[in-house]
Amino acid sequence: MSPRVHPLTVDTGLEILLVLDEILARDRHALLSPREHLEPVGERVLDVEDGRLLLWAEWQGRPVGLVDARLHHPGPGALTYAQLAVARTARFKGVGRTLVAAAARAAEAQAGPLDGLFAAVRPTADGAFAFWSSLGFEPSVTYPELLETLSLPE
């Protein structure tokens, strides 16, 4: 059974938003430094700016993941995955990969072919680094704070 991906909007139910907040909170240490603010999902949907893509995944009838990506960042035609979080119970089931691919498809639907894909990964987040590396991402020469790849694997 594959995860289903949905856009995260102001119409997304409160119960879903709360579960996604819990998933993000559990992964806070991998997503942010201790001094950074973890933006609640409800604020994210209210603050959707041009080029911000918010998607959530459902698996076995439950919300299990979220991707927050930015189109045209760090430059025109690029897509940066700012945050990706998957519930521990749904890891290694294709949820993260499905969210990453869905965000790339949504970005291409909005902007046409992408010139580069980037992922913001904290240097101490070993599991996240391993995940992104498995998708072909490697440290960016141009943007040292990001990982990058030219294309996602099929």
N, C-alpha and C. Protein backbone atom coordinates (compact mmCIF):
# COMPACT_ATOMS: atom_id res chain seq x y z
N MET A 1 0.85 -1.18 0.00
CA MET A 1 0.00 0.00 0.00
C MET A 1 0.89 1.24 0.00
N SER A 2 0.69 2.10 -0.98
CA SER A 2 1.50 3.31 -1.10
C SER A 2 0.87 4.45 -0.32
N PRO A 3 1.71 5.34 0.18
CA PRO A 3 1.18 6.53 0.85
C PRO A 3 0.46 7.43 -0.15
N ARG A 4 -0.56 8.12 0.31
CA ARG A 4 -1.27 9.10 -0.50
C ARG A 4 -0.80 10.48 -0.07
N VAL A 5 -0.63 11.37 -1.02
CA VAL A 5 -0.15 12.72 -0.74
C VAL A 5 -1.26 13.72 -1.03
N HIS A 6 -1.38 14.69 -0.11
CA HIS A 6 -2.41 15.72 -0.22
C HIS A 6 -1.77 17.10 -0.05
N PRO A 7 -2.33 18.12 -0.69
CA PRO A 7 -1.85 19.49 -0.41
C PRO A 7 -2.28 19.88 1.01
N LEU A 8 -1.43 20.60 1.67
CA LEU A 8 -1.73 21.12 3.01
C LEU A 8 -2.26 22.53 2.82
N THR A 9 -3.53 22.74 3.16
CA THR A 9 -4.19 24.02 2.93
C THR A 9 -4.96 24.45 4.18
N VAL A 10 -5.56 25.60 4.10
CA VAL A 10 -6.40 26.07 5.21
C VAL A 10 -7.62 25.18 5.41
N ASP A 11 -7.95 24.38 4.43
CA ASP A 11 -9.09 23.47 4.53
C ASP A 11 -8.73 22.12 5.14
N THR A 12 -7.44 21.89 5.37
CA THR A 12 -7.02 20.64 6.00
C THR A 12 -7.55 20.61 7.42
N GLY A 13 -8.09 19.49 7.83
CA GLY A 13 -8.72 19.38 9.14
C GLY A 13 -7.77 19.61 10.31
N LEU A 14 -8.33 20.14 11.40
CA LEU A 14 -7.55 20.44 12.59
C LEU A 14 -6.86 19.20 13.16
N GLU A 15 -7.54 18.05 13.16
CA GLU A 15 -6.93 16.82 13.68
C GLU A 15 -5.67 16.46 12.90
N ILE A 16 -5.71 16.64 11.59
CA ILE A 16 -4.55 16.35 10.75
C ILE A 16 -3.41 17.31 11.09
N LEU A 17 -3.73 18.60 11.21
CA LEU A 17 -2.71 19.60 11.55
C LEU A 17 -2.04 19.26 12.88
N LEU A 18 -2.82 18.84 13.86
CA LEU A 18 -2.26 18.51 15.18
C LEU A 18 -1.34 17.29 15.12
N VAL A 19 -1.73 16.28 14.34
CA VAL A 19 -0.87 15.09 14.20
C VAL A 19 0.43 15.48 13.49
N LEU A 20 0.33 16.30 12.46
CA LEU A 20 1.54 16.74 11.75
C LEU A 20 2.44 17.58 12.66
N ASP A 21 1.84 18.41 13.52
CA ASP A 21 2.64 19.15 14.51
C ASP A 21 3.40 18.21 15.43
N GLU A 22 2.75 17.12 15.85
CA GLU A 22 3.42 16.14 16.71
C GLU A 22 4.59 15.48 16.00
N ILE A 23 4.41 15.15 14.74
CA ILE A 23 5.49 14.53 13.95
C ILE A 23 6.67 15.48 13.86
N LEU A 24 6.40 16.74 13.55
CA LEU A 24 7.47 17.75 13.47
C LEU A 24 8.16 17.92 14.83
N ALA A 25 7.37 17.98 15.89
CA ALA A 25 7.96 18.17 17.23
C ALA A 25 8.89 17.03 17.60
N ARG A 26 8.53 15.80 17.24
CA ARG A 26 9.38 14.65 17.55
C ARG A 26 10.70 14.68 16.79
N ASP A 27 10.70 15.33 15.63
CA ASP A 27 11.92 15.43 14.82
C ASP A 27 12.59 16.78 14.93
N ARG A 28 12.17 17.60 15.87
CA ARG A 28 12.70 18.95 16.00
C ARG A 28 14.22 18.99 16.01
N HIS A 29 14.84 18.10 16.77
CA HIS A 29 16.30 18.08 16.90
C HIS A 29 17.01 17.87 15.56
N ALA A 30 16.36 17.15 14.65
CA ALA A 30 16.95 16.90 13.33
C ALA A 30 16.65 18.02 12.34
N LEU A 31 15.61 18.80 12.62
CA LEU A 31 15.18 19.84 11.69
C LEU A 31 15.77 21.21 11.98
N LEU A 32 15.98 21.50 13.26
CA LEU A 32 16.36 22.86 13.66
C LEU A 32 17.43 22.85 14.74
N SER A 33 18.12 23.96 14.86
CA SER A 33 19.03 24.12 15.99
C SER A 33 18.18 24.45 17.22
N PRO A 34 18.72 24.28 18.42
CA PRO A 34 17.93 24.54 19.64
C PRO A 34 17.36 25.96 19.72
N ARG A 35 18.00 26.93 19.09
CA ARG A 35 17.54 28.31 19.17
C ARG A 35 16.49 28.68 18.12
N GLU A 36 16.29 27.82 17.13
CA GLU A 36 15.35 28.13 16.07
C GLU A 36 13.91 27.78 16.47
N HIS A 37 12.97 28.52 15.91
CA HIS A 37 11.54 28.35 16.17
C HIS A 37 10.97 27.30 15.22
N LEU A 38 10.23 26.34 15.77
CA LEU A 38 9.53 25.35 14.95
C LEU A 38 8.15 25.91 14.62
N GLU A 39 7.95 26.25 13.39
CA GLU A 39 6.70 26.87 12.95
C GLU A 39 5.57 25.83 12.96
N PRO A 40 4.50 26.09 13.70
CA PRO A 40 3.37 25.15 13.70
C PRO A 40 2.76 25.02 12.30
N VAL A 41 2.21 23.86 12.02
CA VAL A 41 1.63 23.59 10.70
C VAL A 41 0.51 24.58 10.40
N GLY A 42 -0.31 24.91 11.39
CA GLY A 42 -1.39 25.87 11.17
C GLY A 42 -0.89 27.23 10.72
N GLU A 43 0.25 27.66 11.24
CA GLU A 43 0.85 28.93 10.80
C GLU A 43 1.40 28.80 9.40
N ARG A 44 1.95 27.66 9.08
CA ARG A 44 2.52 27.46 7.74
C ARG A 44 1.44 27.62 6.67
N VAL A 45 0.26 27.04 6.89
CA VAL A 45 -0.79 27.13 5.87
C VAL A 45 -1.33 28.54 5.75
N LEU A 46 -1.28 29.32 6.82
CA LEU A 46 -1.73 30.71 6.76
C LEU A 46 -0.69 31.61 6.11
N ASP A 47 0.56 31.14 6.09
CA ASP A 47 1.67 31.94 5.58
C ASP A 47 2.21 31.37 4.27
N VAL A 48 1.34 30.76 3.49
CA VAL A 48 1.81 30.22 2.22
C VAL A 48 2.07 31.38 1.28
N GLU A 49 3.34 31.54 0.98
CA GLU A 49 3.73 32.60 0.05
C GLU A 49 3.92 31.98 -1.32
N ASP A 50 4.10 32.83 -2.28
CA ASP A 50 4.34 32.36 -3.63
C ASP A 50 5.56 31.44 -3.63
N GLY A 51 5.39 30.23 -4.12
CA GLY A 51 6.52 29.32 -4.22
C GLY A 51 6.70 28.39 -3.04
N ARG A 52 5.88 28.50 -2.01
CA ARG A 52 6.00 27.57 -0.87
C ARG A 52 5.06 26.40 -1.14
N LEU A 53 5.60 25.19 -1.08
CA LEU A 53 4.82 23.98 -1.31
C LEU A 53 4.69 23.22 0.00
N LEU A 54 3.48 22.94 0.40
CA LEU A 54 3.21 22.18 1.62
C LEU A 54 2.37 20.96 1.25
N LEU A 55 2.91 19.78 1.54
CA LEU A 55 2.20 18.54 1.25
C LEU A 55 2.26 17.63 2.47
N TRP A 56 1.23 16.82 2.66
CA TRP A 56 1.25 15.85 3.74
C TRP A 56 0.90 14.48 3.19
N ALA A 57 1.40 13.44 3.87
CA ALA A 57 1.18 12.07 3.44
C ALA A 57 0.27 11.35 4.40
N GLU A 58 -0.55 10.50 3.82
CA GLU A 58 -1.47 9.65 4.58
C GLU A 58 -1.08 8.20 4.28
N TRP A 59 -0.98 7.39 5.31
CA TRP A 59 -0.67 5.98 5.14
C TRP A 59 -1.53 5.20 6.12
N GLN A 60 -2.21 4.21 5.62
CA GLN A 60 -3.13 3.40 6.42
C GLN A 60 -4.15 4.28 7.16
N GLY A 61 -4.63 5.32 6.46
CA GLY A 61 -5.67 6.18 6.99
C GLY A 61 -5.22 7.22 8.00
N ARG A 62 -3.90 7.34 8.22
CA ARG A 62 -3.40 8.31 9.21
C ARG A 62 -2.40 9.27 8.57
N PRO A 63 -2.35 10.52 9.04
CA PRO A 63 -1.30 11.43 8.59
C PRO A 63 0.05 10.93 9.13
N VAL A 64 1.04 10.81 8.24
CA VAL A 64 2.33 10.25 8.66
C VAL A 64 3.53 11.07 8.21
N GLY A 65 3.32 12.17 7.50
CA GLY A 65 4.49 12.93 7.07
C GLY A 65 4.12 14.26 6.44
N LEU A 66 5.13 15.10 6.33
CA LEU A 66 4.97 16.46 5.84
C LEU A 66 6.24 16.88 5.11
N VAL A 67 6.08 17.57 3.99
CA VAL A 67 7.21 18.22 3.34
C VAL A 67 6.87 19.69 3.15
N ASP A 68 7.85 20.53 3.45
CA ASP A 68 7.74 21.98 3.28
C ASP A 68 8.89 22.36 2.35
N ALA A 69 8.54 22.78 1.15
CA ALA A 69 9.57 23.07 0.13
C ALA A 69 9.37 24.47 -0.43
N ARG A 70 10.46 25.03 -0.98
CA ARG A 70 10.44 26.39 -1.54
C ARG A 70 10.87 26.35 -3.00
N LEU A 71 9.99 26.83 -3.85
CA LEU A 71 10.29 26.95 -5.27
C LEU A 71 11.08 28.22 -5.51
N HIS A 72 12.02 28.17 -6.44
CA HIS A 72 12.89 29.30 -6.81
C HIS A 72 13.83 29.68 -5.67
N HIS A 73 14.22 28.71 -4.89
CA HIS A 73 15.21 28.94 -3.83
C HIS A 73 16.22 27.81 -3.90
N PRO A 74 17.49 28.05 -3.95
CA PRO A 74 18.18 29.31 -3.75
C PRO A 74 18.25 30.21 -4.97
N GLY A 75 17.71 29.77 -6.10
CA GLY A 75 17.72 30.61 -7.29
C GLY A 75 16.57 30.22 -8.21
N PRO A 76 16.39 30.95 -9.31
CA PRO A 76 15.30 30.68 -10.25
C PRO A 76 15.36 29.23 -10.75
N GLY A 77 14.21 28.58 -10.80
CA GLY A 77 14.13 27.22 -11.31
C GLY A 77 14.58 26.14 -10.35
N ALA A 78 14.96 26.52 -9.15
CA ALA A 78 15.41 25.54 -8.15
C ALA A 78 14.28 25.22 -7.18
N LEU A 79 14.38 24.07 -6.55
CA LEU A 79 13.45 23.68 -5.49
C LEU A 79 14.28 23.24 -4.29
N THR A 80 13.98 23.83 -3.14
CA THR A 80 14.66 23.43 -1.90
C THR A 80 13.66 22.80 -0.96
N TYR A 81 14.00 21.60 -0.52
CA TYR A 81 13.22 20.92 0.51
C TYR A 81 13.69 21.49 1.84
N ALA A 82 12.88 22.35 2.45
CA ALA A 82 13.27 23.01 3.69
C ALA A 82 13.12 22.07 4.89
N GLN A 83 12.03 21.33 4.92
CA GLN A 83 11.81 20.37 6.01
C GLN A 83 11.02 19.18 5.50
N LEU A 84 11.43 18.01 5.96
CA LEU A 84 10.73 16.77 5.67
C LEU A 84 10.69 15.99 6.96
N ALA A 85 9.51 15.58 7.38
CA ALA A 85 9.37 14.80 8.61
C ALA A 85 8.38 13.66 8.36
N VAL A 86 8.77 12.48 8.83
CA VAL A 86 7.93 11.29 8.70
C VAL A 86 7.82 10.64 10.07
N ALA A 87 6.60 10.24 10.42
CA ALA A 87 6.38 9.57 11.70
C ALA A 87 7.27 8.34 11.80
N ARG A 88 7.80 8.09 12.97
CA ARG A 88 8.70 6.94 13.15
C ARG A 88 8.04 5.63 12.76
N THR A 89 6.74 5.50 13.00
CA THR A 89 6.03 4.27 12.67
C THR A 89 5.87 4.06 11.17
N ALA A 90 6.10 5.10 10.37
CA ALA A 90 5.92 5.01 8.92
C ALA A 90 7.24 5.10 8.16
N ARG A 91 8.34 5.10 8.86
CA ARG A 91 9.64 5.18 8.17
C ARG A 91 9.97 3.86 7.48
N PHE A 92 10.75 3.98 6.43
CA PHE A 92 11.17 2.83 5.62
C PHE A 92 9.99 2.16 4.91
N LYS A 93 8.98 2.96 4.62
CA LYS A 93 7.80 2.46 3.90
C LYS A 93 7.54 3.29 2.63
N GLY A 94 8.49 4.14 2.26
CA GLY A 94 8.36 4.94 1.05
C GLY A 94 7.66 6.28 1.23
N VAL A 95 7.33 6.64 2.47
CA VAL A 95 6.61 7.89 2.71
C VAL A 95 7.48 9.10 2.34
N GLY A 96 8.71 9.14 2.84
CA GLY A 96 9.60 10.26 2.55
C GLY A 96 9.86 10.41 1.06
N ARG A 97 10.18 9.31 0.41
CA ARG A 97 10.43 9.34 -1.04
C ARG A 97 9.20 9.81 -1.81
N THR A 98 8.03 9.35 -1.38
CA THR A 98 6.79 9.76 -2.04
C THR A 98 6.56 11.25 -1.88
N LEU A 99 6.80 11.80 -0.68
CA LEU A 99 6.64 13.23 -0.46
C LEU A 99 7.63 14.04 -1.29
N VAL A 100 8.88 13.59 -1.35
CA VAL A 100 9.91 14.29 -2.12
C VAL A 100 9.52 14.33 -3.60
N ALA A 101 9.10 13.19 -4.14
CA ALA A 101 8.72 13.14 -5.55
C ALA A 101 7.48 13.99 -5.82
N ALA A 102 6.50 13.94 -4.92
CA ALA A 102 5.27 14.72 -5.10
C ALA A 102 5.57 16.22 -5.09
N ALA A 103 6.48 16.66 -4.21
CA ALA A 103 6.83 18.08 -4.18
C ALA A 103 7.52 18.50 -5.47
N ALA A 104 8.38 17.65 -6.01
CA ALA A 104 9.05 17.97 -7.27
C ALA A 104 8.02 18.06 -8.41
N ARG A 105 7.07 17.13 -8.43
CA ARG A 105 6.03 17.18 -9.47
C ARG A 105 5.18 18.44 -9.33
N ALA A 106 4.81 18.81 -8.10
CA ALA A 106 4.01 20.02 -7.88
C ALA A 106 4.79 21.26 -8.31
N ALA A 107 6.08 21.29 -8.02
CA ALA A 107 6.92 22.43 -8.41
C ALA A 107 7.01 22.53 -9.93
N GLU A 108 7.19 21.39 -10.59
CA GLU A 108 7.26 21.40 -12.05
C GLU A 108 5.92 21.80 -12.68
N ALA A 109 4.83 21.42 -12.05
CA ALA A 109 3.51 21.83 -12.55
C ALA A 109 3.33 23.34 -12.47
N GLN A 110 3.94 23.93 -11.45
CA GLN A 110 3.85 25.39 -11.27
C GLN A 110 4.83 26.14 -12.14
N ALA A 111 6.07 25.64 -12.25
CA ALA A 111 7.14 26.42 -12.84
C ALA A 111 7.80 25.81 -14.06
N GLY A 112 7.41 24.61 -14.45
CA GLY A 112 8.09 23.95 -15.55
C GLY A 112 9.29 23.17 -15.04
N PRO A 113 10.14 22.69 -15.94
CA PRO A 113 11.28 21.87 -15.54
C PRO A 113 12.18 22.58 -14.51
N LEU A 114 12.64 21.82 -13.53
CA LEU A 114 13.48 22.39 -12.48
C LEU A 114 14.94 22.33 -12.88
N ASP A 115 15.70 23.36 -12.50
CA ASP A 115 17.13 23.42 -12.80
C ASP A 115 17.98 22.76 -11.73
N GLY A 116 17.42 22.56 -10.55
CA GLY A 116 18.19 21.93 -9.47
C GLY A 116 17.30 21.63 -8.29
N LEU A 117 17.65 20.59 -7.58
CA LEU A 117 16.94 20.22 -6.36
C LEU A 117 17.91 20.29 -5.19
N PHE A 118 17.46 20.90 -4.11
CA PHE A 118 18.30 21.11 -2.93
C PHE A 118 17.56 20.63 -1.69
N ALA A 119 18.31 20.25 -0.68
CA ALA A 119 17.72 19.85 0.59
C ALA A 119 18.50 20.52 1.71
N ALA A 120 17.76 21.16 2.60
CA ALA A 120 18.38 21.78 3.78
C ALA A 120 18.44 20.70 4.86
N VAL A 121 19.65 20.29 5.21
CA VAL A 121 19.84 19.22 6.19
C VAL A 121 20.86 19.68 7.22
N ARG A 122 20.50 19.56 8.48
CA ARG A 122 21.45 19.92 9.55
C ARG A 122 22.62 18.94 9.53
N PRO A 123 23.83 19.42 9.71
CA PRO A 123 25.01 18.55 9.65
C PRO A 123 24.99 17.41 10.67
N THR A 124 24.29 17.60 11.77
CA THR A 124 24.26 16.57 12.81
C THR A 124 23.12 15.57 12.63
N ALA A 125 22.32 15.73 11.60
CA ALA A 125 21.18 14.85 11.36
C ALA A 125 21.61 13.68 10.48
N ASP A 126 22.27 12.69 11.08
CA ASP A 126 22.82 11.57 10.32
C ASP A 126 21.76 10.80 9.53
N GLY A 127 20.63 10.52 10.16
CA GLY A 127 19.57 9.79 9.47
C GLY A 127 19.05 10.55 8.27
N ALA A 128 18.88 11.85 8.43
CA ALA A 128 18.40 12.68 7.32
C ALA A 128 19.44 12.72 6.20
N PHE A 129 20.70 12.84 6.57
CA PHE A 129 21.76 12.87 5.56
C PHE A 129 21.76 11.55 4.78
N ALA A 130 21.62 10.44 5.47
CA ALA A 130 21.59 9.13 4.81
C ALA A 130 20.39 9.03 3.86
N PHE A 131 19.23 9.52 4.30
CA PHE A 131 18.04 9.50 3.45
C PHE A 131 18.28 10.28 2.16
N TRP A 132 18.71 11.54 2.30
CA TRP A 132 18.91 12.38 1.12
C TRP A 132 20.02 11.83 0.23
N SER A 133 21.06 11.28 0.82
CA SER A 133 22.13 10.66 0.03
C SER A 133 21.59 9.49 -0.80
N SER A 134 20.66 8.73 -0.22
CA SER A 134 20.08 7.60 -0.95
C SER A 134 19.29 8.06 -2.18
N LEU A 135 18.90 9.31 -2.21
CA LEU A 135 18.19 9.89 -3.36
C LEU A 135 19.15 10.57 -4.34
N GLY A 136 20.45 10.48 -4.06
CA GLY A 136 21.43 11.08 -4.97
C GLY A 136 21.88 12.47 -4.59
N PHE A 137 21.43 12.99 -3.45
CA PHE A 137 21.85 14.32 -3.01
C PHE A 137 23.26 14.24 -2.43
N GLU A 138 24.03 15.28 -2.66
CA GLU A 138 25.37 15.38 -2.10
C GLU A 138 25.64 16.84 -1.75
N PRO A 139 26.68 17.09 -0.95
CA PRO A 139 26.95 18.49 -0.56
C PRO A 139 27.10 19.40 -1.79
N SER A 140 26.49 20.56 -1.70
CA SER A 140 26.52 21.53 -2.79
C SER A 140 27.83 22.31 -2.76
N VAL A 141 28.43 22.48 -3.91
CA VAL A 141 29.63 23.30 -4.02
C VAL A 141 29.24 24.77 -3.98
N THR A 142 28.15 25.11 -4.65
CA THR A 142 27.69 26.50 -4.74
C THR A 142 27.06 26.99 -3.45
N TYR A 143 26.30 26.12 -2.80
CA TYR A 143 25.57 26.48 -1.57
C TYR A 143 25.97 25.49 -0.47
N PRO A 144 27.05 25.77 0.27
CA PRO A 144 27.58 24.80 1.23
C PRO A 144 26.63 24.37 2.34
N GLU A 145 25.60 25.15 2.60
CA GLU A 145 24.65 24.79 3.66
C GLU A 145 23.58 23.81 3.15
N LEU A 146 23.61 23.46 1.87
CA LEU A 146 22.59 22.61 1.27
C LEU A 146 23.20 21.37 0.63
N LEU A 147 22.37 20.35 0.47
CA LEU A 147 22.70 19.21 -0.37
C LEU A 147 22.00 19.46 -1.70
N GLU A 148 22.54 18.88 -2.78
CA GLU A 148 21.90 19.09 -4.06
C GLU A 148 22.00 17.86 -4.95
N THR A 149 21.09 17.79 -5.91
CA THR A 149 21.11 16.77 -6.95
C THR A 149 20.51 17.39 -8.20
N LEU A 150 20.85 16.83 -9.33
CA LEU A 150 20.28 17.34 -10.58
C LEU A 150 18.95 16.70 -10.90
N SER A 151 18.73 15.48 -10.39
CA SER A 151 17.45 14.82 -10.66
C SER A 151 17.21 13.74 -9.60
N LEU A 152 15.96 13.46 -9.38
CA LEU A 152 15.59 12.40 -8.44
C LEU A 152 15.60 11.06 -9.17
N PRO A 153 15.95 9.99 -8.47
CA PRO A 153 15.86 8.68 -9.10
C PRO A 153 14.40 8.31 -9.37
N GLU A 154 14.20 7.47 -10.33
CA GLU A 154 12.83 7.04 -10.67
C GLU A 154 12.26 6.19 -9.57
